[in-house]
Each structure stands twice: as C-alpha cells, then as structure tokens.
C-alpha atoms as a PDB file:
ATOM      1  CA  MET A   1       0.045   0.018  -0.026  1.00  0.00           C
ATOM      2  CA  THR A   2       1.058   3.516  -0.542  1.00  0.00           C
ATOM      3  CA  ALA A   3       0.384   5.527   2.572  1.00  0.00           C
ATOM      4  CA  VAL A   4       2.004   7.496   5.445  1.00  0.00           C
ATOM      5  CA  LEU A   5       4.677   5.276   7.205  1.00  0.00           C
ATOM      6  CA  PRO A   6       4.027   4.232  10.743  1.00  0.00           C
ATOM      7  CA  ASP A   7       5.715   6.602  13.272  1.00  0.00           C
ATOM      8  CA  TRP A   8       8.293   3.973  14.187  1.00  0.00           C
ATOM      9  CA  ALA A   9       9.372   3.441  10.494  1.00  0.00           C
ATOM     10  CA  ARG A  10      10.141   7.091   9.730  1.00  0.00           C
ATOM     11  CA  SER A  11      13.754   7.420  10.841  1.00  0.00           C
ATOM     12  CA  GLY A  12      15.864   8.928   8.187  1.00  0.00           C
ATOM     13  CA  PHE A  13      12.994  10.522   6.168  1.00  0.00           C
ATOM     14  CA  SER A  14      12.900  14.260   5.958  1.00  0.00           C
ATOM     15  CA  ASP A  15       9.077  14.662   5.650  1.00  0.00           C
ATOM     16  CA  ALA A  16       7.182  14.691   8.999  1.00  0.00           C
ATOM     17  CA  GLU A  17       4.680  12.216   7.551  1.00  0.00           C
ATOM     18  CA  PRO A  18       6.473  10.488   4.626  1.00  0.00           C
ATOM     19  CA  ILE A  19       4.344   8.642   2.175  1.00  0.00           C
ATOM     20  CA  ALA A  20       5.831   5.517   0.625  1.00  0.00           C
ATOM     21  CA  GLN A  21       4.737   2.152  -0.614  1.00  0.00           C
ATOM     22  CA  HIS A  22       5.138  -0.355   2.221  1.00  0.00           C
ATOM     23  CA  GLU A  23       3.784  -3.281   4.007  1.00  0.00           C
ATOM     24  CA  VAL A  24       3.702  -3.868   7.758  1.00  0.00           C
ATOM     25  CA  GLY A  25       4.208  -7.337   9.208  1.00  0.00           C
ATOM     26  CA  HIS A  26       1.182  -9.286  10.410  1.00  0.00           C
ATOM     27  CA  LEU A  27       2.283  -8.836  14.029  1.00  0.00           C
ATOM     28  CA  GLY A  28       3.374  -5.169  13.522  1.00  0.00           C
ATOM     29  CA  GLU A  29       7.023  -5.968  14.246  1.00  0.00           C
ATOM     30  CA  ILE A  30       8.628  -5.024  10.916  1.00  0.00           C
ATOM     31  CA  ALA A  31       7.919  -2.817   7.869  1.00  0.00           C
ATOM     32  CA  ALA A  32       9.025  -3.370   4.291  1.00  0.00           C
ATOM     33  CA  ILE A  33       9.481  -0.050   2.530  1.00  0.00           C
ATOM     34  CA  ILE A  34       9.499  -0.646  -1.137  1.00  0.00           C
ATOM     35  CA  PHE A  35      11.796   1.679  -3.033  1.00  0.00           C
ATOM     36  CA  ARG A  36      11.466   0.004  -6.398  1.00  0.00           C
ATOM     37  CA  SER A  37       7.953  -0.494  -7.459  1.00  0.00           C
ATOM     38  CA  PRO A  38       6.587  -2.730  -8.675  1.00  0.00           C
ATOM     39  CA  LEU A  39       8.777  -5.531  -7.402  1.00  0.00           C
ATOM     40  CA  VAL A  40       9.591  -7.528 -10.541  1.00  0.00           C
ATOM     41  CA  VAL A  41      10.837 -10.873 -11.802  1.00  0.00           C
ATOM     42  CA  PRO A  42      13.500 -11.021 -13.239  1.00  0.00           C
ATOM     43  CA  PRO A  43      14.986  -8.155 -11.327  1.00  0.00           C
ATOM     44  CA  PRO A  44      15.727  -4.884 -13.049  1.00  0.00           C
ATOM     45  CA  THR A  45      19.091  -4.769 -14.802  1.00  0.00           C
ATOM     46  CA  ASP A  46      19.828  -1.216 -13.394  1.00  0.00           C
ATOM     47  CA  GLY A  47      19.541  -2.151  -9.761  1.00  0.00           C
ATOM     48  CA  GLY A  48      17.203  -4.595  -8.162  1.00  0.00           C
ATOM     49  CA  ASN A  49      14.092  -4.970  -5.964  1.00  0.00           C
ATOM     50  CA  LYS A  50      15.112  -2.493  -3.249  1.00  0.00           C
ATOM     51  CA  ILE A  51      13.417  -2.948   0.075  1.00  0.00           C
ATOM     52  CA  LEU A  52      14.217  -1.126   3.341  1.00  0.00           C
ATOM     53  CA  TRP A  53      13.375  -3.375   6.243  1.00  0.00           C
ATOM     54  CA  VAL A  54      12.585  -1.454   9.583  1.00  0.00           C
ATOM     55  CA  SER A  55      12.146  -3.214  12.849  1.00  0.00           C
ATOM     56  CA  ARG A  56       9.692  -1.787  15.251  1.00  0.00           C
ATOM     57  CA  GLN A  57      11.950  -2.385  18.115  1.00  0.00           C
ATOM     58  CA  ALA A  58      15.580  -1.414  18.037  1.00  0.00           C
ATOM     59  CA  THR A  59      17.532  -4.660  17.942  1.00  0.00           C
ATOM     60  CA  ILE A  60      21.124  -5.865  17.334  1.00  0.00           C
ATOM     61  CA  ALA A  61      20.959  -8.498  14.612  1.00  0.00           C
ATOM     62  CA  ASN A  62      23.664  -9.955  12.456  1.00  0.00           C
ATOM     63  CA  ARG A  63      21.227 -11.077   9.892  1.00  0.00           C
ATOM     64  CA  LEU A  64      17.623 -10.981   8.670  1.00  0.00           C
ATOM     65  CA  ASP A  65      16.513 -14.466   7.704  1.00  0.00           C
ATOM     66  CA  ILE A  66      13.720 -14.665   5.072  1.00  0.00           C
ATOM     67  CA  SER A  67      11.779 -17.776   4.141  1.00  0.00           C
ATOM     68  CA  ALA A  68       9.532 -16.847   1.114  1.00  0.00           C
ATOM     69  CA  GLN A  69       6.635 -18.974   0.099  1.00  0.00           C
ATOM     70  CA  ARG A  70       4.627 -18.306  -3.136  1.00  0.00           C
ATOM     71  CA  MET A  71       0.890 -18.318  -2.252  1.00  0.00           C
ATOM     72  CA  ASP A  72      -2.460 -18.694  -4.074  1.00  0.00           C
ATOM     73  CA  GLY A  73      -4.804 -17.412  -1.411  1.00  0.00           C
ATOM     74  CA  THR A  74      -4.091 -19.692   1.471  1.00  0.00           C
ATOM     75  CA  VAL A  75      -2.487 -22.438  -0.638  1.00  0.00           C
ATOM     76  CA  ALA A  76       1.257 -22.766  -0.855  1.00  0.00           C
ATOM     77  CA  ILE A  77       2.611 -23.097  -4.368  1.00  0.00           C
ATOM     78  CA  GLY A  78       5.918 -24.959  -4.737  1.00  0.00           C
ATOM     79  CA  GLY A  79       8.527 -24.950  -2.033  1.00  0.00           C
ATOM     80  CA  PRO A  80       9.870 -22.131  -0.008  1.00  0.00           C
ATOM     81  CA  VAL A  81      13.010 -20.132  -0.993  1.00  0.00           C
ATOM     82  CA  GLN A  82      15.486 -18.711   1.449  1.00  0.00           C
ATOM     83  CA  ARG A  83      17.085 -15.293   1.390  1.00  0.00           C
ATOM     84  CA  PHE A  84      18.968 -13.264   3.987  1.00  0.00           C
ATOM     85  CA  VAL A  85      20.040  -9.767   4.629  1.00  0.00           C
ATOM     86  CA  ASP A  86      23.475  -9.302   6.253  1.00  0.00           C
ATOM     87  CA  GLY A  87      23.386  -7.034   9.217  1.00  0.00           C
ATOM     88  CA  GLY A  88      19.769  -7.552  10.060  1.00  0.00           C
ATOM     89  CA  PRO A  89      16.903  -5.271   9.125  1.00  0.00           C
ATOM     90  CA  GLY A  90      18.055  -2.382   6.824  1.00  0.00           C
ATOM     91  CA  PRO A  91      18.491  -1.770   3.165  1.00  0.00           C
ATOM     92  CA  SER A  92      18.377  -4.771   0.813  1.00  0.00           C
ATOM     93  CA  TYR A  93      17.632  -6.242  -2.600  1.00  0.00           C
ATOM     94  CA  VAL A  94      15.218  -9.187  -2.351  1.00  0.00           C
ATOM     95  CA  ASP A  95      14.778 -10.926  -5.626  1.00  0.00           C
ATOM     96  CA  LEU A  96      12.457 -14.008  -5.901  1.00  0.00           C
ATOM     97  CA  PRO A  97      12.388 -16.639  -8.682  1.00  0.00           C
ATOM     98  CA  GLN A  98       8.765 -16.183  -9.956  1.00  0.00           C
ATOM     99  CA  ALA A  99       6.044 -13.637 -10.113  1.00  0.00           C
ATOM    100  CA  GLY A 100       3.122 -13.915  -7.700  1.00  0.00           C
ATOM    101  CA  CYS A 101       2.115 -13.250  -4.170  1.00  0.00           C
ATOM    102  CA  TRP A 102       4.910 -14.257  -1.715  1.00  0.00           C
ATOM    103  CA  ARG A 103       4.488 -14.659   1.999  1.00  0.00           C
ATOM    104  CA  LEU A 104       7.721 -13.776   3.619  1.00  0.00           C
ATOM    105  CA  THR A 105       8.489 -15.052   7.160  1.00  0.00           C
ATOM    106  CA  LEU A 106      11.214 -12.909   8.652  1.00  0.00           C
ATOM    107  CA  SER A 107      13.383 -13.656  11.629  1.00  0.00           C
ATOM    108  CA  TRP A 108      16.145 -11.361  13.231  1.00  0.00           C
ATOM    109  CA  ALA A 109      17.500 -11.111  16.702  1.00  0.00           C
ATOM    110  CA  ASP A 110      14.699 -12.480  18.947  1.00  0.00           C
ATOM    111  CA  ARG A 111      11.983 -11.286  16.680  1.00  0.00           C
ATOM    112  CA  THR A 112       9.751 -12.854  13.932  1.00  0.00           C
ATOM    113  CA  ASP A 113       6.964 -11.583  11.767  1.00  0.00           C
ATOM    114  CA  SER A 114       5.545 -12.183   8.282  1.00  0.00           C
ATOM    115  CA  LEU A 115       4.128 -10.176   5.491  1.00  0.00           C
ATOM    116  CA  ASP A 116       2.927 -10.635   1.861  1.00  0.00           C
ATOM    117  CA  LEU A 117       4.592  -8.968  -1.096  1.00  0.00           C
ATOM    118  CA  GLU A 118       3.520  -9.062  -4.781  1.00  0.00           C
ATOM    119  CA  TYR A 119       6.123  -9.642  -7.482  1.00  0.00           C
ATOM    120  CA  MET A 120       5.185  -8.877 -11.049  1.00  0.00           C
ATOM    121  CA  ASP A 121       6.552 -10.126 -14.381  1.00  0.00           C
ATOM    122  CA  ARG A 122       8.936  -7.509 -15.730  1.00  0.00           C
ATOM    123  CA  PRO A 123       7.644  -5.971 -18.883  1.00  0.00           C
ATOM    124  CA  THR A 124       9.843  -6.796 -21.879  1.00  0.00           C
END
C-alpha cells in the first residue's frame, strides 16, 4: 500500500509524515518499505528490487532471515526459498524466482513476523 509510514518506521525521512509504498508485518514488528515499485521478476538490470526493512523495536541483529513461500490465497505453491540480509533489518535487494504473491517469514535477533509482497513479471 502507498500511505503514510508508521511513526516507528520514519527514521531517516525528511518529511514529518512520509508517504511511501510499504507493508507492515502481520504482528506489527517489521515494515518493508518498497523503493522499487513494482517488485519484478526477473529483477531490473539497473538495480534490483530494493526494500528497506525497519524493525519496530531497536535490535542488534547480524542477519535478517527470510523464508519466502509463493501463495495462491491460503494455498502454498511450490517450495519455500531462502534469502537473507547481512546486518539484520536495513536496506536490501530481495529478488524472488517467480512472479506472484509471496508470504515472507522474517526472523532477526529475537523477533519474527511475516508479510505478503507481490512480485510482477517484468515488462519486456
């Protein structure tokens, strides 16, 4: 959704109420701020699918682990794929193998959450 970011996800933005495309985790523990919209497969050749991960609670994490499962409603399609972000929540490029709705289960420090992101086929 494109809307005002939650208060806790605004650090580093100059606007008092920044508007950005983002998704908040189902438990409200993390936000994915999408800097490259739409997210596409295959990834853009001039960058990638840039996502800024913001943890609601300040944590020290060496890594953000991502288990991504393509979904059709409540039905899993295929097997999960694993990704990670060195240094924990922060800037990243998260590229996935196919277009579709992906449920991402995220783990960092002592926190977990999940959210859904849509990846589109890149226009040719």
